[in-house]
PDB file of all heavy atoms in Angstrom:
ATOM      1  N   ARG A   1     135.378 153.404 156.337  1.00  0.00           N
ATOM      2  CA  ARG A   1     136.198 152.992 155.203  1.00  0.00           C
ATOM      3  C   ARG A   1     137.633 153.487 155.396  1.00  0.00           C
ATOM      4  O   ARG A   1     137.861 154.634 155.760  1.00  0.00           O
ATOM      5  CB  ARG A   1     135.601 153.577 153.912  1.00  0.00           C
ATOM      6  CG  ARG A   1     136.343 153.199 152.635  1.00  0.00           C
ATOM      7  CD  ARG A   1     136.040 151.774 152.223  1.00  0.00           C
ATOM      8  NE  ARG A   1     136.793 151.396 151.029  1.00  0.00           N
ATOM      9  CZ  ARG A   1     136.314 151.408 149.803  1.00  0.00           C
ATOM     10  NH1 ARG A   1     135.080 151.799 149.590  1.00  0.00           N
ATOM     11  NH2 ARG A   1     137.058 151.033 148.773  1.00  0.00           N
ATOM     12  N   PHE A   2     138.606 152.606 155.152  1.00  0.00           N
ATOM     13  CA  PHE A   2     140.021 152.941 155.253  1.00  0.00           C
ATOM     14  C   PHE A   2     140.670 152.681 153.894  1.00  0.00           C
ATOM     15  O   PHE A   2     141.151 151.575 153.641  1.00  0.00           O
ATOM     16  CB  PHE A   2     140.725 152.084 156.306  1.00  0.00           C
ATOM     17  CG  PHE A   2     140.169 152.216 157.697  1.00  0.00           C
ATOM     18  CD1 PHE A   2     139.072 151.470 158.093  1.00  0.00           C
ATOM     19  CD2 PHE A   2     140.751 153.080 158.610  1.00  0.00           C
ATOM     20  CE1 PHE A   2     138.568 151.580 159.372  1.00  0.00           C
ATOM     21  CE2 PHE A   2     140.258 153.195 159.894  1.00  0.00           C
ATOM     22  CZ  PHE A   2     139.156 152.451 160.280  1.00  0.00           C
ATOM     23  N   GLY A   3     140.675 153.629 153.015  1.00  0.00           N
ATOM     24  CA  GLY A   3     141.307 153.420 151.724  1.00  0.00           C
ATOM     25  C   GLY A   3     140.521 152.471 150.845  1.00  0.00           C
ATOM     26  O   GLY A   3     139.405 152.051 151.170  1.00  0.00           O
ATOM     27  N   PRO A   4     141.084 152.074 149.703  1.00  0.00           N
ATOM     28  CA  PRO A   4     140.325 151.306 148.716  1.00  0.00           C
ATOM     29  C   PRO A   4     140.109 149.846 149.073  1.00  0.00           C
ATOM     30  O   PRO A   4     139.231 149.200 148.491  1.00  0.00           O
ATOM     31  CB  PRO A   4     141.203 151.425 147.458  1.00  0.00           C
ATOM     32  CG  PRO A   4     142.584 151.622 147.986  1.00  0.00           C
ATOM     33  CD  PRO A   4     142.430 152.438 149.227  1.00  0.00           C
ATOM     34  N   HIS A   5     140.885 149.299 150.025  1.00  0.00           N
ATOM     35  CA  HIS A   5     140.831 147.855 150.254  1.00  0.00           C
ATOM     36  C   HIS A   5     140.330 147.454 151.632  1.00  0.00           C
ATOM     37  O   HIS A   5     140.195 146.248 151.898  1.00  0.00           O
ATOM     38  CB  HIS A   5     142.229 147.247 150.054  1.00  0.00           C
ATOM     39  CG  HIS A   5     142.785 147.451 148.684  1.00  0.00           C
ATOM     40  ND1 HIS A   5     142.209 146.920 147.554  1.00  0.00           N
ATOM     41  CD2 HIS A   5     143.875 148.149 148.261  1.00  0.00           C
ATOM     42  CE1 HIS A   5     142.915 147.262 146.491  1.00  0.00           C
ATOM     43  NE2 HIS A   5     143.920 148.017 146.892  1.00  0.00           N
ATOM     44  N   THR A   6     140.035 148.396 152.512  1.00  0.00           N
ATOM     45  CA  THR A   6     139.751 148.057 153.906  1.00  0.00           C
ATOM     46  C   THR A   6     138.528 148.798 154.412  1.00  0.00           C
ATOM     47  O   THR A   6     138.374 150.000 154.177  1.00  0.00           O
ATOM     48  CB  THR A   6     140.953 148.401 154.804  1.00  0.00           C
ATOM     49  OG1 THR A   6     142.143 147.862 154.222  1.00  0.00           O
ATOM     50  CG2 THR A   6     140.776 147.817 156.192  1.00  0.00           C
ATOM     51  N   LEU A   7     137.682 148.064 155.135  1.00  0.00           N
ATOM     52  CA  LEU A   7     136.467 148.624 155.722  1.00  0.00           C
ATOM     53  C   LEU A   7     136.233 147.944 157.059  1.00  0.00           C
ATOM     54  O   LEU A   7     136.499 146.742 157.208  1.00  0.00           O
ATOM     55  CB  LEU A   7     135.288 148.394 154.768  1.00  0.00           C
ATOM     56  CG  LEU A   7     133.900 148.885 155.173  1.00  0.00           C
ATOM     57  CD1 LEU A   7     133.126 149.337 153.937  1.00  0.00           C
ATOM     58  CD2 LEU A   7     133.108 147.778 155.878  1.00  0.00           C
ATOM     59  N   ALA A   8     135.749 148.698 158.037  1.00  0.00           N
ATOM     60  CA  ALA A   8     135.455 148.149 159.358  1.00  0.00           C
ATOM     61  C   ALA A   8     133.995 148.370 159.710  1.00  0.00           C
ATOM     62  O   ALA A   8     133.402 149.396 159.371  1.00  0.00           O
ATOM     63  CB  ALA A   8     136.351 148.791 160.423  1.00  0.00           C
ATOM     64  N   VAL A   9     133.418 147.387 160.384  1.00  0.00           N
ATOM     65  CA  VAL A   9     132.042 147.446 160.864  1.00  0.00           C
ATOM     66  C   VAL A   9     132.062 147.196 162.363  1.00  0.00           C
ATOM     67  O   VAL A   9     132.658 146.212 162.814  1.00  0.00           O
ATOM     68  CB  VAL A   9     131.152 146.395 160.173  1.00  0.00           C
ATOM     69  CG1 VAL A   9     129.743 146.421 160.749  1.00  0.00           C
ATOM     70  CG2 VAL A   9     131.107 146.618 158.667  1.00  0.00           C
ATOM     71  N   ALA A  10     131.431 148.075 163.132  1.00  0.00           N
ATOM     72  CA  ALA A  10     131.415 147.937 164.584  1.00  0.00           C
ATOM     73  C   ALA A  10     129.993 148.042 165.098  1.00  0.00           C
ATOM     74  O   ALA A  10     129.188 148.840 164.602  1.00  0.00           O
ATOM     75  CB  ALA A  10     132.285 149.009 165.231  1.00  0.00           C
ATOM     76  N   TYR A  11     129.665 147.197 166.089  1.00  0.00           N
ATOM     77  CA  TYR A  11     128.378 147.262 166.777  1.00  0.00           C
ATOM     78  C   TYR A  11     128.480 146.426 168.048  1.00  0.00           C
ATOM     79  O   TYR A  11     129.118 145.375 168.074  1.00  0.00           O
ATOM     80  CB  TYR A  11     127.236 146.735 165.889  1.00  0.00           C
ATOM     81  CG  TYR A  11     127.413 145.296 165.470  1.00  0.00           C
ATOM     82  CD1 TYR A  11     126.907 144.237 166.227  1.00  0.00           C
ATOM     83  CD2 TYR A  11     128.117 144.987 164.314  1.00  0.00           C
ATOM     84  CE1 TYR A  11     127.102 142.928 165.852  1.00  0.00           C
ATOM     85  CE2 TYR A  11     128.308 143.682 163.924  1.00  0.00           C
ATOM     86  CZ  TYR A  11     127.795 142.652 164.701  1.00  0.00           C
ATOM     87  OH  TYR A  11     128.002 141.343 164.326  1.00  0.00           O
ATOM     88  N   ASP A  12     127.886 146.911 169.111  1.00  0.00           N
ATOM     89  CA  ASP A  12     127.735 146.158 170.351  1.00  0.00           C
ATOM     90  C   ASP A  12     129.035 145.469 170.783  1.00  0.00           C
ATOM     91  O   ASP A  12     129.054 144.283 171.107  1.00  0.00           O
ATOM     92  CB  ASP A  12     126.614 145.132 170.190  1.00  0.00           C
ATOM     93  CG  ASP A  12     126.106 144.627 171.536  1.00  0.00           C
ATOM     94  OD1 ASP A  12     126.354 145.320 172.545  1.00  0.00           O
ATOM     95  OD2 ASP A  12     125.475 143.557 171.573  1.00  0.00           O
ATOM     96  N   SER A  13     130.141 146.218 170.776  1.00  0.00           N
ATOM     97  CA  SER A  13     131.454 145.732 171.208  1.00  0.00           C
ATOM     98  C   SER A  13     132.024 144.634 170.323  1.00  0.00           C
ATOM     99  O   SER A  13     132.887 143.861 170.747  1.00  0.00           O
ATOM    100  CB  SER A  13     131.404 145.235 172.665  1.00  0.00           C
ATOM    101  OG  SER A  13     131.027 146.275 173.531  1.00  0.00           O
ATOM    102  N   ILE A  14     131.538 144.543 169.087  1.00  0.00           N
ATOM    103  CA  ILE A  14     132.098 143.643 168.072  1.00  0.00           C
ATOM    104  C   ILE A  14     132.641 144.513 166.947  1.00  0.00           C
ATOM    105  O   ILE A  14     132.023 145.491 166.545  1.00  0.00           O
ATOM    106  CB  ILE A  14     131.023 142.698 167.498  1.00  0.00           C
ATOM    107  CG1 ILE A  14     130.426 141.836 168.602  1.00  0.00           C
ATOM    108  CG2 ILE A  14     131.593 141.837 166.379  1.00  0.00           C
ATOM    109  CD1 ILE A  14     131.384 140.819 169.167  1.00  0.00           C
ATOM    110  N   ARG A  15     133.792 144.138 166.422  1.00  0.00           N
ATOM    111  CA  ARG A  15     134.369 144.894 165.315  1.00  0.00           C
ATOM    112  C   ARG A  15     134.901 143.939 164.260  1.00  0.00           C
ATOM    113  O   ARG A  15     135.732 143.075 164.550  1.00  0.00           O
ATOM    114  CB  ARG A  15     135.494 145.808 165.812  1.00  0.00           C
ATOM    115  CG  ARG A  15     135.984 146.820 164.781  1.00  0.00           C
ATOM    116  CD  ARG A  15     136.842 147.883 165.476  1.00  0.00           C
ATOM    117  NE  ARG A  15     137.252 148.919 164.544  1.00  0.00           N
ATOM    118  CZ  ARG A  15     138.407 148.901 163.866  1.00  0.00           C
ATOM    119  NH1 ARG A  15     139.250 147.890 164.033  1.00  0.00           N
ATOM    120  NH2 ARG A  15     138.710 149.876 163.044  1.00  0.00           N
ATOM    121  N   TRP A  16     134.374 144.076 163.038  1.00  0.00           N
ATOM    122  CA  TRP A  16     134.823 143.297 161.889  1.00  0.00           C
ATOM    123  C   TRP A  16     135.667 144.186 160.987  1.00  0.00           C
ATOM    124  O   TRP A  16     135.338 145.345 160.776  1.00  0.00           O
ATOM    125  CB  TRP A  16     133.627 142.791 161.082  1.00  0.00           C
ATOM    126  CG  TRP A  16     132.680 141.927 161.838  1.00  0.00           C
ATOM    127  CD1 TRP A  16     131.555 142.322 162.517  1.00  0.00           C
ATOM    128  CD2 TRP A  16     132.762 140.521 161.998  1.00  0.00           C
ATOM    129  NE1 TRP A  16     130.934 141.239 163.088  1.00  0.00           N
ATOM    130  CE2 TRP A  16     131.664 140.117 162.782  1.00  0.00           C
ATOM    131  CE3 TRP A  16     133.673 139.561 161.549  1.00  0.00           C
ATOM    132  CZ2 TRP A  16     131.445 138.789 163.126  1.00  0.00           C
ATOM    133  CZ3 TRP A  16     133.448 138.236 161.896  1.00  0.00           C
ATOM    134  CH2 TRP A  16     132.352 137.862 162.674  1.00  0.00           C
ATOM    135  N   VAL A  17     136.710 143.625 160.437  1.00  0.00           N
ATOM    136  CA  VAL A  17     137.522 144.332 159.452  1.00  0.00           C
ATOM    137  C   VAL A  17     137.565 143.481 158.186  1.00  0.00           C
ATOM    138  O   VAL A  17     137.935 142.299 158.234  1.00  0.00           O
ATOM    139  CB  VAL A  17     138.950 144.592 159.959  1.00  0.00           C
ATOM    140  CG1 VAL A  17     139.769 145.293 158.883  1.00  0.00           C
ATOM    141  CG2 VAL A  17     138.909 145.435 161.233  1.00  0.00           C
ATOM    142  N   TYR A  18     137.153 144.081 157.060  1.00  0.00           N
ATOM    143  CA  TYR A  18     137.126 143.395 155.772  1.00  0.00           C
ATOM    144  C   TYR A  18     138.200 143.994 154.867  1.00  0.00           C
ATOM    145  O   TYR A  18     138.279 145.217 154.709  1.00  0.00           O
ATOM    146  CB  TYR A  18     135.768 143.569 155.100  1.00  0.00           C
ATOM    147  CG  TYR A  18     134.602 143.030 155.891  1.00  0.00           C
ATOM    148  CD1 TYR A  18     133.829 143.872 156.686  1.00  0.00           C
ATOM    149  CD2 TYR A  18     134.285 141.681 155.863  1.00  0.00           C
ATOM    150  CE1 TYR A  18     132.758 143.394 157.417  1.00  0.00           C
ATOM    151  CE2 TYR A  18     133.215 141.179 156.595  1.00  0.00           C
ATOM    152  CZ  TYR A  18     132.459 142.044 157.368  1.00  0.00           C
ATOM    153  OH  TYR A  18     131.404 141.557 158.105  1.00  0.00           O
ATOM    154  N   CYS A  19     139.011 143.134 154.284  1.00  0.00           N
ATOM    155  CA  CYS A  19     139.983 143.556 153.276  1.00  0.00           C
ATOM    156  C   CYS A  19     139.695 142.794 151.995  1.00  0.00           C
ATOM    157  O   CYS A  19     139.464 141.574 152.028  1.00  0.00           O
ATOM    158  CB  CYS A  19     141.410 143.272 153.733  1.00  0.00           C
ATOM    159  SG  CYS A  19     141.899 144.164 155.215  1.00  0.00           S
ATOM    160  N   ALA A  20     139.721 143.489 150.871  1.00  0.00           N
ATOM    161  CA  ALA A  20     139.372 142.846 149.606  1.00  0.00           C
ATOM    162  C   ALA A  20     140.156 143.475 148.467  1.00  0.00           C
ATOM    163  O   ALA A  20     140.609 144.621 148.547  1.00  0.00           O
ATOM    164  CB  ALA A  20     137.872 142.971 149.337  1.00  0.00           C
ATOM    165  N   GLY A  21     140.308 142.698 147.392  1.00  0.00           N
ATOM    166  CA  GLY A  21     140.928 143.202 146.178  1.00  0.00           C
ATOM    167  C   GLY A  21     142.417 143.460 146.283  1.00  0.00           C
ATOM    168  O   GLY A  21     142.954 144.262 145.528  1.00  0.00           O
ATOM    169  N   VAL A  22     143.096 142.764 147.190  1.00  0.00           N
ATOM    170  CA  VAL A  22     144.530 142.987 147.389  1.00  0.00           C
ATOM    171  C   VAL A  22     145.311 142.138 146.380  1.00  0.00           C
ATOM    172  O   VAL A  22     145.129 140.919 146.298  1.00  0.00           O
ATOM    173  CB  VAL A  22     144.948 142.636 148.827  1.00  0.00           C
ATOM    174  CG1 VAL A  22     146.457 142.756 149.002  1.00  0.00           C
ATOM    175  CG2 VAL A  22     144.209 143.539 149.818  1.00  0.00           C
ATOM    176  N   LYS A  23     146.217 142.793 145.645  1.00  0.00           N
ATOM    177  CA  LYS A  23     147.009 142.121 144.612  1.00  0.00           C
ATOM    178  C   LYS A  23     148.498 142.333 144.872  1.00  0.00           C
ATOM    179  O   LYS A  23     148.900 143.349 145.438  1.00  0.00           O
ATOM    180  CB  LYS A  23     146.652 142.660 143.227  1.00  0.00           C
ATOM    181  CG  LYS A  23     145.205 142.455 142.829  1.00  0.00           C
ATOM    182  CD  LYS A  23     144.945 143.021 141.444  1.00  0.00           C
ATOM    183  CE  LYS A  23     143.491 142.835 141.028  1.00  0.00           C
ATOM    184  NZ  LYS A  23     143.243 143.382 139.668  1.00  0.00           N
ATOM    185  N   PRO A  24     149.331 141.389 144.418  1.00  0.00           N
ATOM    186  CA  PRO A  24     150.782 141.551 144.592  1.00  0.00           C
ATOM    187  C   PRO A  24     151.388 142.370 143.463  1.00  0.00           C
ATOM    188  O   PRO A  24     150.724 142.700 142.470  1.00  0.00           O
ATOM    189  CB  PRO A  24     151.284 140.109 144.530  1.00  0.00           C
ATOM    190  CG  PRO A  24     150.341 139.446 143.561  1.00  0.00           C
ATOM    191  CD  PRO A  24     148.991 140.086 143.825  1.00  0.00           C
ATOM    192  N   ASP A  25     152.646 142.658 143.603  1.00  0.00           N
ATOM    193  CA  ASP A  25     153.435 143.228 142.525  1.00  0.00           C
ATOM    194  C   ASP A  25     153.628 142.137 141.473  1.00  0.00           C
ATOM    195  O   ASP A  25     154.360 141.166 141.690  1.00  0.00           O
ATOM    196  CB  ASP A  25     154.783 143.694 143.074  1.00  0.00           C
ATOM    197  CG  ASP A  25     155.696 144.264 142.000  1.00  0.00           C
ATOM    198  OD1 ASP A  25     155.359 144.173 140.807  1.00  0.00           O
ATOM    199  OD2 ASP A  25     156.759 144.796 142.373  1.00  0.00           O
ATOM    200  N   GLY A  26     152.939 142.287 140.343  1.00  0.00           N
ATOM    201  CA  GLY A  26     152.973 141.251 139.323  1.00  0.00           C
ATOM    202  C   GLY A  26     154.305 141.081 138.639  1.00  0.00           C
ATOM    203  O   GLY A  26     154.510 140.097 137.917  1.00  0.00           O
ATOM    204  N   SER A  27     155.244 141.993 138.855  1.00  0.00           N
ATOM    205  CA  SER A  27     156.560 141.866 138.227  1.00  0.00           C
ATOM    206  C   SER A  27     157.476 140.923 138.996  1.00  0.00           C
ATOM    207  O   SER A  27     158.559 140.571 138.493  1.00  0.00           O
ATOM    208  CB  SER A  27     157.222 143.240 138.100  1.00  0.00           C
ATOM    209  OG  SER A  27     157.544 143.763 139.387  1.00  0.00           O
ATOM    210  N   LEU A  28     157.065 140.501 140.202  1.00  0.00           N
ATOM    211  CA  LEU A  28     157.902 139.591 140.980  1.00  0.00           C
ATOM    212  C   LEU A  28     157.954 138.216 140.301  1.00  0.00           C
ATOM    213  O   LEU A  28     156.961 137.760 139.719  1.00  0.00           O
ATOM    214  CB  LEU A  28     157.357 139.457 142.403  1.00  0.00           C
ATOM    215  CG  LEU A  28     157.465 140.717 143.262  1.00  0.00           C
ATOM    216  CD1 LEU A  28     156.702 140.546 144.557  1.00  0.00           C
ATOM    217  CD2 LEU A  28     158.937 141.033 143.548  1.00  0.00           C
ATOM    218  N   PRO A  29     159.081 137.514 140.408  1.00  0.00           N
ATOM    219  CA  PRO A  29     159.282 136.286 139.635  1.00  0.00           C
ATOM    220  C   PRO A  29     158.716 135.043 140.307  1.00  0.00           C
ATOM    221  O   PRO A  29     159.424 134.306 141.000  1.00  0.00           O
ATOM    222  CB  PRO A  29     160.811 136.203 139.535  1.00  0.00           C
ATOM    223  CG  PRO A  29     161.291 136.826 140.809  1.00  0.00           C
ATOM    224  CD  PRO A  29     160.308 137.911 141.144  1.00  0.00           C
ATOM    225  N   GLY A  30     157.435 134.775 140.140  1.00  0.00           N
ATOM    226  CA  GLY A  30     156.879 133.530 140.637  1.00  0.00           C
ATOM    227  C   GLY A  30     155.845 133.705 141.725  1.00  0.00           C
ATOM    228  O   GLY A  30     155.700 134.763 142.341  1.00  0.00           O
ATOM    229  N   VAL A  31     155.101 132.612 141.964  1.00  0.00           N
ATOM    230  CA  VAL A  31     153.981 132.643 142.904  1.00  0.00           C
ATOM    231  C   VAL A  31     154.455 132.850 144.338  1.00  0.00           C
ATOM    232  O   VAL A  31     153.820 133.574 145.109  1.00  0.00           O
ATOM    233  CB  VAL A  31     153.151 131.342 142.786  1.00  0.00           C
ATOM    234  CG1 VAL A  31     152.128 131.247 143.906  1.00  0.00           C
ATOM    235  CG2 VAL A  31     152.446 131.283 141.440  1.00  0.00           C
TER     236      VAL A  31
END
């Protein structure tokens, strides 16, 4: 686990990285 938004899974020379729950600065003006 790397902080609240990132996790890595490794096995047999394969490595997956999952990122979730990432949000922008909601005060920015527009999409």
